[in-house]
C-alpha cells in the first residue's frame, strides 16, 4: 500500500465508516491502492470493484 493509506486512515478515524478502500485502474492495470487493515475491502477483487462501481 502507499501514501493513499493516510486517506483511508482519515476516513476511518471518526468511526463513521465501517470499512474503506481506495481502488484505481487504467488501461493496463487495476489496483487496490489502500484499504482498512482487517477490513473486507483489503481483499477486494477487480470484479468486485466493477460490481460496486455499477451500483
N, C-alpha and C. Protein backbone atom coordinates (compact mmCIF):
# COMPACT_ATOMS: atom_id res chain seq x y z
N UNK A 1 0.85 -1.16 0.00
CA UNK A 1 0.00 0.00 0.00
C UNK A 1 0.90 1.24 0.00
N UNK A 2 0.31 2.35 -0.25
CA UNK A 2 1.12 3.55 -0.45
C UNK A 2 0.65 4.70 0.43
N UNK A 3 1.04 5.89 0.03
CA UNK A 3 0.61 7.07 0.78
C UNK A 3 -0.90 7.27 0.75
N UNK A 4 -1.60 6.56 -0.11
CA UNK A 4 -3.06 6.61 -0.10
C UNK A 4 -3.62 6.10 1.21
N UNK A 5 -2.83 5.33 1.94
CA UNK A 5 -3.30 4.76 3.20
C UNK A 5 -3.72 5.85 4.18
N UNK A 6 -3.08 7.00 4.14
CA UNK A 6 -3.46 8.08 5.06
C UNK A 6 -4.89 8.56 4.80
N UNK A 7 -5.35 8.49 3.56
CA UNK A 7 -6.73 8.85 3.27
C UNK A 7 -7.71 7.85 3.88
N UNK A 8 -7.38 6.57 3.76
CA UNK A 8 -8.21 5.53 4.38
C UNK A 8 -8.22 5.71 5.89
N UNK A 9 -7.05 5.94 6.47
CA UNK A 9 -6.96 6.14 7.92
C UNK A 9 -7.82 7.31 8.36
N UNK A 10 -7.83 8.39 7.58
CA UNK A 10 -8.64 9.56 7.89
C UNK A 10 -10.13 9.23 7.82
N UNK A 11 -10.54 8.48 6.80
CA UNK A 11 -11.95 8.07 6.69
C UNK A 11 -12.40 7.26 7.89
N UNK A 12 -11.50 6.43 8.41
CA UNK A 12 -11.85 5.52 9.49
C UNK A 12 -11.73 6.17 10.87
N UNK A 13 -11.06 7.29 10.97
CA UNK A 13 -10.68 7.85 12.27
C UNK A 13 -11.85 8.29 13.15
N UNK A 14 -12.95 8.75 12.57
CA UNK A 14 -14.04 9.24 13.41
C UNK A 14 -15.14 8.21 13.66
N UNK A 15 -14.97 7.00 13.14
CA UNK A 15 -15.92 5.94 13.40
C UNK A 15 -17.17 5.95 12.53
N UNK A 16 -17.25 6.87 11.58
CA UNK A 16 -18.43 6.93 10.70
C UNK A 16 -18.43 5.83 9.63
N UNK A 17 -17.26 5.37 9.25
CA UNK A 17 -17.15 4.33 8.22
C UNK A 17 -16.87 2.98 8.87
N UNK A 18 -17.46 1.94 8.32
CA UNK A 18 -17.19 0.59 8.79
C UNK A 18 -15.99 -0.02 8.06
N UNK A 19 -15.75 0.42 6.84
CA UNK A 19 -14.65 -0.11 6.04
C UNK A 19 -14.39 0.90 4.93
N UNK A 20 -13.20 0.87 4.37
CA UNK A 20 -12.89 1.76 3.26
C UNK A 20 -11.72 1.22 2.47
N UNK A 21 -11.68 1.61 1.21
CA UNK A 21 -10.57 1.25 0.33
C UNK A 21 -10.51 2.29 -0.78
N UNK A 22 -9.34 2.46 -1.32
CA UNK A 22 -9.15 3.31 -2.49
C UNK A 22 -8.64 2.40 -3.59
N UNK A 23 -9.40 2.35 -4.68
CA UNK A 23 -9.04 1.48 -5.80
C UNK A 23 -8.91 2.33 -7.05
N UNK A 24 -8.15 1.85 -7.99
CA UNK A 24 -7.98 2.59 -9.22
C UNK A 24 -7.65 1.66 -10.36
N UNK A 25 -7.80 2.17 -11.55
CA UNK A 25 -7.44 1.38 -12.72
C UNK A 25 -7.09 2.31 -13.87
N UNK A 26 -6.31 1.78 -14.75
CA UNK A 26 -6.05 2.45 -16.00
C UNK A 26 -6.16 1.39 -17.09
N UNK A 27 -5.80 1.69 -18.28
CA UNK A 27 -5.97 0.74 -19.37
C UNK A 27 -5.10 -0.51 -19.21
N UNK A 28 -4.03 -0.43 -18.43
CA UNK A 28 -3.11 -1.55 -18.30
C UNK A 28 -3.26 -2.35 -17.01
N UNK A 29 -3.78 -1.75 -15.96
CA UNK A 29 -3.78 -2.45 -14.67
C UNK A 29 -4.86 -1.92 -13.75
N UNK A 30 -5.15 -2.74 -12.74
CA UNK A 30 -6.14 -2.39 -11.73
C UNK A 30 -5.56 -2.70 -10.37
N UNK A 31 -5.75 -1.80 -9.41
CA UNK A 31 -5.09 -1.93 -8.12
C UNK A 31 -6.01 -1.53 -6.97
N UNK A 32 -5.78 -2.14 -5.82
CA UNK A 32 -6.26 -1.61 -4.56
C UNK A 32 -5.10 -0.80 -4.02
N UNK A 33 -5.24 0.51 -3.96
CA UNK A 33 -4.15 1.37 -3.54
C UNK A 33 -4.02 1.45 -2.03
N UNK A 34 -5.14 1.32 -1.33
CA UNK A 34 -5.13 1.36 0.13
C UNK A 34 -6.43 0.76 0.63
N UNK A 35 -6.38 0.16 1.82
CA UNK A 35 -7.58 -0.42 2.42
C UNK A 35 -7.41 -0.49 3.93
N UNK A 36 -8.54 -0.55 4.62
CA UNK A 36 -8.53 -0.68 6.07
C UNK A 36 -7.99 -2.05 6.45
N UNK A 37 -6.93 -2.09 7.23
CA UNK A 37 -6.35 -3.35 7.66
C UNK A 37 -7.39 -4.17 8.41
N UNK A 38 -7.53 -5.43 8.01
CA UNK A 38 -8.51 -6.31 8.64
C UNK A 38 -9.91 -6.15 8.10
N UNK A 39 -10.12 -5.20 7.20
CA UNK A 39 -11.45 -4.96 6.64
C UNK A 39 -11.74 -5.87 5.45
N UNK A 40 -12.98 -5.87 5.05
CA UNK A 40 -13.41 -6.67 3.91
C UNK A 40 -12.75 -6.20 2.62
N UNK A 41 -12.62 -4.89 2.45
CA UNK A 41 -12.12 -4.35 1.20
C UNK A 41 -10.63 -4.60 0.97
N UNK A 42 -9.90 -5.01 1.98
CA UNK A 42 -8.48 -5.31 1.77
C UNK A 42 -8.33 -6.47 0.78
N UNK A 43 -9.35 -7.30 0.65
CA UNK A 43 -9.32 -8.44 -0.27
C UNK A 43 -10.19 -8.22 -1.50
N UNK A 44 -10.54 -6.98 -1.78
CA UNK A 44 -11.40 -6.68 -2.92
C UNK A 44 -10.72 -7.13 -4.21
N UNK A 45 -11.53 -7.65 -5.13
CA UNK A 45 -11.00 -8.09 -6.42
C UNK A 45 -11.40 -7.10 -7.50
N UNK A 46 -10.80 -7.25 -8.65
CA UNK A 46 -11.14 -6.38 -9.78
C UNK A 46 -12.61 -6.53 -10.12
N UNK A 47 -13.14 -7.75 -10.14
CA UNK A 47 -14.55 -7.96 -10.45
C UNK A 47 -15.45 -7.29 -9.42
N UNK A 48 -15.12 -7.40 -8.16
CA UNK A 48 -15.91 -6.76 -7.11
C UNK A 48 -15.88 -5.25 -7.27
N UNK A 49 -14.75 -4.72 -7.61
CA UNK A 49 -14.62 -3.28 -7.81
C UNK A 49 -15.59 -2.81 -8.88
N UNK A 50 -15.71 -3.54 -9.98
CA UNK A 50 -16.64 -3.16 -11.04
C UNK A 50 -18.09 -3.32 -10.60
N UNK A 51 -18.38 -4.33 -9.80
CA UNK A 51 -19.74 -4.52 -9.28
C UNK A 51 -20.13 -3.34 -8.39
N UNK A 52 -19.24 -2.91 -7.52
CA UNK A 52 -19.52 -1.77 -6.64
C UNK A 52 -19.68 -0.48 -7.43
N UNK A 53 -18.85 -0.32 -8.44
CA UNK A 53 -18.89 0.89 -9.25
C UNK A 53 -20.22 1.03 -9.98
N UNK A 54 -20.83 -0.09 -10.35
CA UNK A 54 -22.07 -0.04 -11.13
C UNK A 54 -23.31 0.18 -10.27
N UNK A 55 -23.17 0.19 -8.93
CA UNK A 55 -24.33 0.40 -8.06
C UNK A 55 -24.86 1.81 -8.15
